Protein backbone atom coordinates (compact mmCIF):
# COMPACT_ATOMS: atom_id res chain seq x y z
CA MET A 1 21.68 54.14 -186.64
CA PRO A 2 21.17 57.64 -188.11
CA ARG A 3 20.47 57.92 -191.82
CA GLY A 4 21.93 61.40 -191.96
CA THR A 5 18.92 63.64 -192.55
CA ARG A 6 19.06 66.47 -190.03
CA GLY A 7 17.34 69.74 -189.37
CA GLU A 8 16.21 71.95 -186.52
CA GLN A 9 12.72 72.39 -185.16
CA ILE A 10 11.26 74.66 -182.48
CA PHE A 11 8.96 73.34 -179.73
CA LYS A 12 7.12 75.17 -176.94
CA CYS A 13 6.25 73.83 -173.49
CA SER A 14 2.45 73.80 -173.16
CA LYS A 15 2.59 74.75 -169.49
CA CYS A 16 5.25 77.46 -169.02
CA GLU A 17 5.74 78.35 -172.71
CA VAL A 18 9.54 78.06 -172.71
CA ARG A 19 10.69 77.49 -176.29
CA TYR A 20 13.31 74.92 -177.27
CA VAL A 21 15.19 74.20 -180.46
CA ALA A 22 15.98 70.54 -181.16
CA THR A 23 17.84 68.77 -183.95
CA HIS A 24 15.80 66.07 -185.65
CA GLU A 25 17.45 63.06 -187.16
CA ASP A 26 15.99 60.33 -189.39
CA PHE A 27 16.81 56.74 -188.45
CA ALA A 28 16.69 53.47 -190.40
CA GLU A 29 14.87 51.77 -187.50
CA ASN A 30 12.29 52.95 -184.95
CA HIS A 31 13.69 55.36 -182.41
CA GLU A 32 11.75 56.38 -179.31
CA GLY A 33 12.24 58.97 -176.63
CA PHE A 34 10.83 62.02 -174.92
CA PHE A 35 11.90 65.46 -173.74
CA VAL A 36 10.80 67.12 -170.49
CA CYS A 37 10.85 70.90 -169.95
CA THR A 38 13.82 71.88 -167.82
CA GLU A 39 11.83 74.72 -166.22
CA CYS A 40 8.59 73.03 -165.09
CA GLY A 41 8.98 69.28 -165.75
CA THR A 42 6.14 69.03 -168.31
CA GLU A 43 6.65 66.64 -171.21
CA VAL A 44 7.25 68.75 -174.32
CA LEU A 45 7.45 65.94 -176.87
CA ALA A 46 7.43 62.14 -177.07
CA TRP A 47 8.33 60.28 -180.26
CA ASP A 48 8.33 56.73 -181.56
CA GLY A 49 9.22 56.22 -185.20
CA LEU A 50 11.92 56.82 -187.76
CA ARG A 51 12.53 60.41 -186.60
CA GLY A 52 14.24 61.22 -183.31
CA TYR A 53 15.18 64.49 -181.59
CA ILE A 54 18.54 65.36 -180.05
CA LYS A 55 20.48 68.40 -178.79
CA TRP A 56 17.61 70.18 -177.03
CA LYS A 57 18.47 73.79 -176.11
CA PRO A 58 16.33 76.59 -174.68
CA LEU A 59 15.70 79.23 -177.29
CA LYS A 60 16.96 82.55 -176.01
CA MET A 61 14.66 85.41 -176.91
CA LYS A 62 15.36 89.09 -176.44
CA PRO A 63 13.04 90.71 -173.90
CA VAL A 64 10.38 93.03 -175.29
CA VAL A 65 10.81 96.62 -174.16
CA MET A 66 7.59 98.58 -173.77
CA GLU A 67 7.77 102.35 -173.91
CA LYS A 68 5.15 104.81 -172.72
CA LYS A 69 3.70 107.27 -175.20
CA ARG A 70 4.56 110.84 -174.40
């Protein structure tokens, strides 16, 4: 059962470098799980303890625009 402490944390896939934001939640008892990258299938994070991670979303980043010097 959640104890109520929440916050957001950013994670990056080690293979394809897609970034995700996840909500972490503290639990009164051990909570285990894992998250797999939706792009390449690589495990991004596994956890086993009083902190768990929920609501994984890809972090949308604006593309970088490169301009040529004149």
